[in-house]
Amino acid sequence: MKWKFKAILENKWEQEMAILVFSFILFTLNDWVFIQSWKGFSNGLLYFFVLYFHAQLNRFFLLPVLLKKHQPILYIILTIGLIVLFTVFLHEVSTQYIYKNCFLYKSSHQKTYQFQFATLSGTLVCILGTIQILEHYREQKNRTNKAFLSNQVQLNALKNQFNPHFLFNTMNTLYGISLQYPERTSEMIMEVSQLMRYQVEQGNKEFVSLENEISFISSYIQLEKERVGYRCSIDFDCECDQQGQYEIAPMLLITFIENAFKHGASTIEKCFVTIHVKVKGGKLYLEVSNSVPQHKKDVISTKIGLKNTVERMEIVYPKKHNLIITQNKQTYTVNLVIELHQA
């Protein structure tokens, strides 16, 4: 029973049905004794659905005036006007059709405009109030999940960067470059510094500019080029139709790129990693491909990073992203499309 109740709290459509049934029972409870035929029952349904339709009209057309446009006075005026309009309509329908020959009222005052006005107001408060409480619960739960997953992704990324094996390879790369090409050492140190700084300063934000995210990715790829570029073909390009116009959740794309290098460049045989980023019409298109080694080397992978990234996209970009992962014997490919936020 507890599990079912929790499911109703978290499922929008189950909530809608629960509210519909609950409000129907609540506002017709006192009238069941007067319903003595199927005609009376159908008339009772008609009466209730007029009340329910009025509440839904307010919810979808008037409530945004208050919640999105922040105009409480206009919302109150429109709400009262809608109640008055439905009061007249419900009074006429009730007296001319619903109440005839089905005894759905106990006294004559139920035929008055005042009674219909009060009934419409009570139904509105009951249905709208319940809906807003449940929507607020869902919104708060989504915010909590979003913050949790964001922090978890940031923590995992930091762990990966400070992973002893990663640092060992990085230090070896820096050491080798300093011996053969000392003029490039400072540039490499700056690349590592930018990675660390971005994760610490930007990783905990909800959204960052797309340019900053691309710059972070570029720094990471440059570091990987220095590490494995001598034995791995690395291709990276990016094009954006409107610079400075978009925002994206930080460190969302890096998981797919890290995995490409982790698995695609894990052997000494000829390998490749290809990364294409394109932004057009408010959408980001990411394609990441890497070679699948013929002689696979054991690579420790919990797949937690990928799982968290997918779950995070479900929360941050609900119904606004599309992820397709394909694999064959030679290539592993990720295709991701995201509808970006305007800056």
Protein backbone atom coordinates (compact mmCIF):
# COMPACT_ATOMS: atom_id res chain seq x y z
CA MET A 1 0.00 0.00 0.00
CA LYS A 2 2.84 2.33 0.86
CA TRP A 3 4.56 1.57 -2.46
CA LYS A 4 1.35 2.26 -4.42
CA PHE A 5 0.81 5.57 -2.63
CA LYS A 6 4.40 6.60 -3.40
CA ALA A 7 3.88 5.66 -7.06
CA ILE A 8 0.81 7.92 -7.21
CA LEU A 9 2.81 10.79 -5.71
CA GLU A 10 5.50 10.45 -8.38
CA ASN A 11 3.39 9.58 -11.45
CA LYS A 12 1.61 12.53 -13.04
CA TRP A 13 -1.15 10.56 -14.78
CA GLU A 14 -1.93 8.47 -11.71
CA GLN A 15 -2.19 11.71 -9.76
CA GLU A 16 -4.66 13.14 -12.26
CA MET A 17 -6.88 10.05 -12.00
CA ALA A 18 -6.66 10.02 -8.20
CA ILE A 19 -7.65 13.70 -8.01
CA LEU A 20 -10.52 13.13 -10.44
CA VAL A 21 -11.94 10.21 -8.46
CA PHE A 22 -11.37 11.87 -5.08
CA SER A 23 -13.00 15.16 -6.05
CA PHE A 24 -15.93 13.33 -7.68
CA ILE A 25 -16.62 11.36 -4.51
CA LEU A 26 -16.15 14.44 -2.32
CA PHE A 27 -18.52 16.71 -4.23
CA THR A 28 -21.21 14.11 -4.87
CA LEU A 29 -21.13 12.25 -1.53
CA ASN A 30 -24.16 14.02 -0.10
CA ASP A 31 -26.17 13.45 -3.27
CA TRP A 32 -25.82 9.68 -3.66
CA VAL A 33 -28.96 9.09 -1.58
CA PHE A 34 -30.96 11.15 -4.08
CA ILE A 35 -29.74 9.22 -7.13
CA GLN A 36 -32.39 6.61 -7.81
CA SER A 37 -31.82 5.88 -11.51
CA TRP A 38 -29.16 5.75 -14.21
CA LYS A 39 -30.49 9.06 -15.49
CA GLY A 40 -29.87 10.61 -12.10
CA PHE A 41 -26.37 9.14 -12.06
CA SER A 42 -25.56 10.48 -15.52
CA ASN A 43 -26.90 13.91 -14.57
CA GLY A 44 -24.73 13.83 -11.47
CA LEU A 45 -21.71 13.03 -13.65
CA LEU A 46 -22.56 15.90 -15.97
CA TYR A 47 -22.82 18.32 -13.04
CA PHE A 48 -19.47 17.23 -11.65
CA PHE A 49 -17.65 17.41 -14.98
CA VAL A 50 -18.79 21.00 -15.43
CA LEU A 51 -17.15 21.75 -12.07
CA TYR A 52 -14.03 19.78 -13.03
CA PHE A 53 -13.79 21.41 -16.47
CA HIS A 54 -13.97 24.86 -14.84
CA ALA A 55 -11.08 23.97 -12.50
CA GLN A 56 -8.97 22.67 -15.39
CA LEU A 57 -9.59 25.81 -17.45
CA ASN A 58 -8.30 27.88 -14.58
CA ARG A 59 -5.31 25.58 -14.16
CA PHE A 60 -4.09 25.64 -17.76
CA PHE A 61 -5.12 29.13 -18.93
CA LEU A 62 -5.36 31.42 -15.89
CA LEU A 63 -2.90 29.96 -13.38
CA PRO A 64 0.12 30.66 -15.68
CA VAL A 65 -0.78 34.36 -15.38
CA LEU A 66 0.02 34.05 -11.67
CA LEU A 67 2.89 31.56 -11.72
CA LYS A 68 4.74 32.59 -14.91
CA LYS A 69 3.75 36.22 -15.52
CA HIS A 70 3.51 37.09 -11.80
CA GLN A 71 0.34 39.17 -12.10
CA PRO A 72 -1.79 38.23 -9.05
CA ILE A 73 -4.36 41.02 -9.46
CA LEU A 74 -5.05 40.08 -13.09
CA TYR A 75 -5.30 36.42 -12.08
CA ILE A 76 -7.85 37.19 -9.34
CA ILE A 77 -9.95 39.30 -11.71
CA LEU A 78 -9.91 36.63 -14.43
CA THR A 79 -10.67 33.88 -11.90
CA ILE A 80 -13.70 35.72 -10.52
CA GLY A 81 -14.86 36.48 -14.04
CA LEU A 82 -14.59 32.82 -15.05
CA ILE A 83 -16.47 31.71 -11.93
CA VAL A 84 -19.28 34.19 -12.67
CA LEU A 85 -19.48 32.97 -16.27
CA PHE A 86 -19.67 29.33 -15.19
CA THR A 87 -22.14 30.23 -12.42
CA VAL A 88 -24.62 31.51 -14.99
CA PHE A 89 -24.00 28.52 -17.26
CA LEU A 90 -24.25 25.96 -14.44
CA HIS A 91 -27.39 27.60 -13.02
CA GLU A 92 -29.17 27.37 -16.35
CA VAL A 93 -28.02 23.81 -17.06
CA SER A 94 -28.94 22.68 -13.55
CA THR A 95 -32.41 24.18 -13.39
CA GLN A 96 -33.35 23.40 -16.97
CA TYR A 97 -31.87 19.92 -17.30
CA ILE A 98 -29.87 18.32 -14.45
CA TYR A 99 -32.32 18.83 -11.55
CA LYS A 100 -35.42 17.83 -13.46
CA ASN A 101 -36.94 14.52 -12.33
CA CYS A 102 -33.79 13.20 -10.63
CA PHE A 103 -33.92 14.84 -7.16
CA LEU A 104 -30.27 15.86 -7.08
CA TYR A 105 -30.96 18.68 -4.65
CA LYS A 106 -32.27 18.80 -1.11
CA SER A 107 -33.59 22.35 -0.91
CA SER A 108 -34.52 25.24 -3.17
CA HIS A 109 -31.40 27.28 -2.27
CA GLN A 110 -29.36 24.83 -4.33
CA LYS A 111 -31.01 26.33 -7.41
CA THR A 112 -29.69 29.82 -6.66
CA TYR A 113 -26.78 31.59 -8.30
CA GLN A 114 -25.09 31.97 -4.91
CA PHE A 115 -25.04 28.20 -4.39
CA GLN A 116 -23.54 27.55 -7.81
CA PHE A 117 -20.94 30.28 -7.25
CA ALA A 118 -19.94 28.76 -3.90
CA THR A 119 -19.82 25.24 -5.36
CA LEU A 120 -17.59 26.34 -8.25
CA SER A 121 -15.29 28.21 -5.84
CA GLY A 122 -15.04 25.26 -3.47
CA THR A 123 -14.30 22.83 -6.27
CA LEU A 124 -11.64 25.15 -7.69
CA VAL A 125 -9.84 25.46 -4.35
CA CYS A 126 -10.03 21.71 -3.69
CA ILE A 127 -8.85 20.50 -7.11
CA LEU A 128 -6.37 23.29 -7.85
CA GLY A 129 -4.90 23.19 -4.36
CA THR A 130 -4.38 19.44 -4.46
CA ILE A 131 -2.82 19.60 -7.93
CA GLN A 132 -0.41 22.38 -6.93
CA ILE A 133 0.69 20.54 -3.80
CA LEU A 134 1.46 17.38 -5.79
CA GLU A 135 3.21 19.32 -8.58
CA HIS A 136 5.28 21.14 -5.97
CA TYR A 137 6.24 17.75 -4.50
CA ARG A 138 7.33 16.46 -7.92
CA GLU A 139 9.26 19.64 -8.68
CA GLN A 140 11.10 19.54 -5.36
CA LYS A 141 11.91 15.86 -5.84
CA ASN A 142 13.28 16.55 -9.35
CA ARG A 143 15.41 19.41 -8.01
CA THR A 144 16.78 17.18 -5.28
CA ASN A 145 17.59 14.40 -7.76
CA LYS A 146 19.17 16.90 -10.16
CA ALA A 147 21.42 18.34 -7.44
CA PHE A 148 22.37 14.85 -6.22
CA LEU A 149 23.27 13.55 -9.68
CA SER A 150 25.13 16.75 -10.54
CA ASN A 151 27.26 16.46 -7.42
CA GLN A 152 27.82 12.78 -8.05
CA VAL A 153 28.96 13.41 -11.63
CA GLN A 154 31.30 16.14 -10.42
CA LEU A 155 32.72 13.87 -7.72
CA ASN A 156 33.23 10.99 -10.16
CA ALA A 157 34.96 13.31 -12.64
CA LEU A 158 37.27 14.62 -9.94
CA LYS A 159 38.05 11.06 -8.86
CA ASN A 160 38.86 10.13 -12.45
CA GLN A 161 41.18 13.12 -12.83
CA PHE A 162 42.98 12.36 -9.59
CA ASN A 163 43.06 8.65 -10.30
CA PRO A 164 46.67 7.53 -9.63
CA HIS A 165 46.91 5.80 -12.99
CA PHE A 166 45.74 8.94 -14.81
CA LEU A 167 48.11 11.18 -12.87
CA PHE A 168 50.97 8.74 -13.47
CA ASN A 169 50.40 8.87 -17.23
CA THR A 170 50.04 12.65 -17.14
CA MET A 171 53.25 13.14 -15.19
CA ASN A 172 55.08 10.78 -17.55
CA THR A 173 53.76 12.76 -20.52
CA LEU A 174 54.87 16.05 -18.97
CA TYR A 175 58.27 14.59 -18.11
CA GLY A 176 58.82 13.23 -21.63
CA ILE A 177 57.79 16.49 -23.26
CA SER A 178 59.99 18.52 -20.92
CA LEU A 179 63.01 16.46 -22.04
CA GLN A 180 62.35 16.51 -25.78
CA TYR A 181 60.31 19.69 -26.20
CA PRO A 182 60.86 21.87 -23.14
CA GLU A 183 59.10 24.81 -24.79
CA ARG A 184 55.77 22.86 -24.64
CA THR A 185 55.92 22.02 -20.93
CA SER A 186 54.29 25.24 -19.74
CA GLU A 187 51.45 24.79 -22.26
CA MET A 188 50.75 21.28 -20.99
CA ILE A 189 50.73 22.44 -17.38
CA MET A 190 48.19 25.11 -18.32
CA GLU A 191 45.96 22.50 -19.96
CA VAL A 192 45.91 20.42 -16.77
CA SER A 193 45.34 23.56 -14.70
CA GLN A 194 42.33 24.55 -16.81
CA LEU A 195 40.78 21.11 -16.35
CA MET A 196 41.12 21.30 -12.59
CA ARG A 197 39.88 24.89 -12.38
CA TYR A 198 36.81 24.23 -14.52
CA GLN A 199 35.76 21.23 -12.44
CA VAL A 200 36.14 23.09 -9.16
CA GLU A 201 34.58 26.41 -10.20
CA GLN A 202 31.96 25.41 -12.79
CA GLY A 203 31.10 21.79 -12.00
CA ASN A 204 28.57 22.61 -9.26
CA LYS A 205 26.56 25.10 -11.34
CA GLU A 206 23.23 24.19 -12.92
CA PHE A 207 24.16 25.60 -16.33
CA VAL A 208 27.27 27.10 -17.88
CA SER A 209 27.93 28.79 -21.19
CA LEU A 210 28.39 26.39 -24.08
CA GLU A 211 31.69 28.09 -24.97
CA ASN A 212 33.12 27.26 -21.53
CA GLU A 213 32.03 23.64 -21.83
CA ILE A 214 33.58 23.32 -25.30
CA SER A 215 36.78 24.94 -24.03
CA PHE A 216 36.92 22.38 -21.22
CA ILE A 217 36.43 19.53 -23.67
CA SER A 218 39.09 20.98 -25.97
CA SER A 219 41.59 21.13 -23.09
CA TYR A 220 40.87 17.53 -22.18
CA ILE A 221 41.28 16.36 -25.79
CA GLN A 222 44.54 18.30 -26.12
CA LEU A 223 45.86 16.53 -23.06
CA GLU A 224 44.87 13.16 -24.50
CA LYS A 225 46.59 14.06 -27.78
CA GLU A 226 49.81 14.62 -25.90
CA ARG A 227 49.35 11.35 -24.02
CA VAL A 228 48.28 8.94 -26.78
CA GLY A 229 48.39 11.03 -29.97
CA TYR A 230 51.56 9.35 -31.20
CA ARG A 231 49.73 6.03 -31.55
CA CYS A 232 46.09 7.09 -31.84
CA SER A 233 44.43 9.11 -34.60
CA ILE A 234 42.42 11.85 -32.86
CA ASP A 235 40.01 14.09 -34.75
CA PHE A 236 38.03 16.88 -33.07
CA ASP A 237 35.96 19.65 -34.64
CA CYS A 238 33.26 21.99 -33.42
CA GLU A 239 30.95 24.44 -35.16
CA CYS A 240 28.28 26.70 -33.63
CA ASP A 241 25.77 28.85 -35.49
CA GLN A 242 25.33 31.43 -32.70
CA GLN A 243 28.25 32.02 -30.38
CA GLY A 244 27.35 33.03 -26.82
CA GLN A 245 23.65 32.23 -27.18
CA TYR A 246 23.41 28.88 -25.39
CA GLU A 247 23.89 27.23 -22.02
CA ILE A 248 24.39 23.60 -21.11
CA ALA A 249 24.60 21.50 -17.96
CA PRO A 250 28.31 21.36 -17.02
CA MET A 251 30.39 18.22 -17.50
CA LEU A 252 27.56 16.46 -19.30
CA LEU A 253 29.39 15.65 -22.54
CA ILE A 254 32.78 14.77 -21.08
CA THR A 255 31.62 11.31 -19.95
CA PHE A 256 31.17 10.11 -23.55
CA ILE A 257 34.53 11.58 -24.57
CA GLU A 258 36.36 10.07 -21.59
CA ASN A 259 34.90 6.66 -22.38
CA ALA A 260 36.05 6.96 -26.01
CA PHE A 261 39.67 7.47 -24.95
CA LYS A 262 39.43 4.99 -22.09
CA HIS A 263 38.25 2.13 -24.29
CA GLY A 264 39.28 3.21 -27.79
CA ALA A 265 42.88 4.08 -26.98
CA SER A 266 43.50 1.38 -24.40
CA THR A 267 45.82 -0.69 -26.60
CA ILE A 268 49.01 0.03 -28.54
CA GLU A 269 47.55 -1.15 -31.83
CA LYS A 270 46.35 1.37 -34.39
CA CYS A 271 43.27 3.13 -33.02
CA PHE A 272 41.19 6.26 -33.47
CA VAL A 273 38.88 8.64 -31.59
CA THR A 274 36.64 11.01 -33.53
CA ILE A 275 34.62 13.77 -31.88
CA HIS A 276 32.24 16.06 -33.76
CA VAL A 277 30.23 18.82 -32.05
CA LYS A 278 27.71 20.87 -33.99
CA VAL A 279 25.22 23.46 -32.74
CA LYS A 280 22.44 24.48 -35.09
CA GLY A 281 18.94 25.81 -34.54
CA GLY A 282 19.15 25.61 -30.77
CA LYS A 283 20.21 21.96 -30.80
CA LEU A 284 23.56 20.39 -30.00
CA TYR A 285 24.65 17.38 -32.01
CA LEU A 286 27.46 15.29 -30.54
CA GLU A 287 28.98 12.31 -32.32
CA VAL A 288 31.76 10.38 -30.62
CA SER A 289 33.32 7.35 -32.32
CA ASN A 290 36.20 5.19 -31.20
CA SER A 291 37.82 2.04 -32.47
CA VAL A 292 37.12 -1.27 -30.77
CA PRO A 293 40.46 -3.05 -30.17
CA GLN A 294 40.77 -6.49 -31.74
CA HIS A 295 42.87 -7.62 -28.82
CA LYS A 296 40.95 -6.23 -25.92
CA LYS A 297 42.78 -5.15 -22.82
CA ASP A 298 41.10 -5.39 -19.44
CA VAL A 299 39.80 -1.92 -18.59
CA ILE A 300 38.19 -1.38 -15.21
CA SER A 301 34.75 0.09 -15.79
CA THR A 302 31.80 0.35 -13.38
CA LYS A 303 29.65 2.21 -15.95
CA ILE A 304 28.44 4.42 -13.09
CA GLY A 305 29.55 7.57 -14.92
CA LEU A 306 27.52 6.72 -18.02
CA LYS A 307 24.50 5.65 -15.93
CA ASN A 308 24.57 8.89 -13.93
CA THR A 309 24.92 10.97 -17.08
CA VAL A 310 21.90 9.29 -18.69
CA GLU A 311 19.82 9.76 -15.52
CA ARG A 312 20.95 13.36 -15.24
CA MET A 313 19.86 14.09 -18.82
CA GLU A 314 16.44 12.60 -18.04
CA ILE A 315 16.04 15.19 -15.27
CA VAL A 316 17.76 18.23 -16.82
CA TYR A 317 16.50 17.66 -20.38
CA PRO A 318 13.24 15.68 -20.08
CA LYS A 319 11.95 14.88 -23.59
CA LYS A 320 14.54 17.31 -24.94
CA HIS A 321 17.34 14.91 -25.76
CA ASN A 322 17.96 11.78 -27.79
CA LEU A 323 20.81 9.37 -27.13
CA ILE A 324 21.70 6.51 -29.49
CA ILE A 325 24.66 4.19 -28.84
CA THR A 326 25.69 1.70 -31.52
CA GLN A 327 28.52 -0.81 -31.59
CA ASN A 328 29.96 -3.30 -34.02
CA LYS A 329 33.24 -5.23 -34.16
CA GLN A 330 35.24 -2.22 -35.33
CA THR A 331 33.51 0.92 -33.97
CA TYR A 332 31.68 2.20 -30.91
CA THR A 333 29.58 5.29 -31.67
CA VAL A 334 27.58 7.70 -29.52
CA ASN A 335 25.07 10.09 -31.12
CA LEU A 336 23.49 12.65 -28.80
CA VAL A 337 21.07 15.47 -29.59
CA ILE A 338 20.14 18.05 -26.92
CA GLU A 339 17.77 21.02 -27.09
CA LEU A 340 19.89 23.73 -25.49
CA HIS A 341 18.80 26.49 -23.12
CA GLN A 342 19.07 30.07 -24.29
CA ALA A 343 21.69 32.07 -22.38
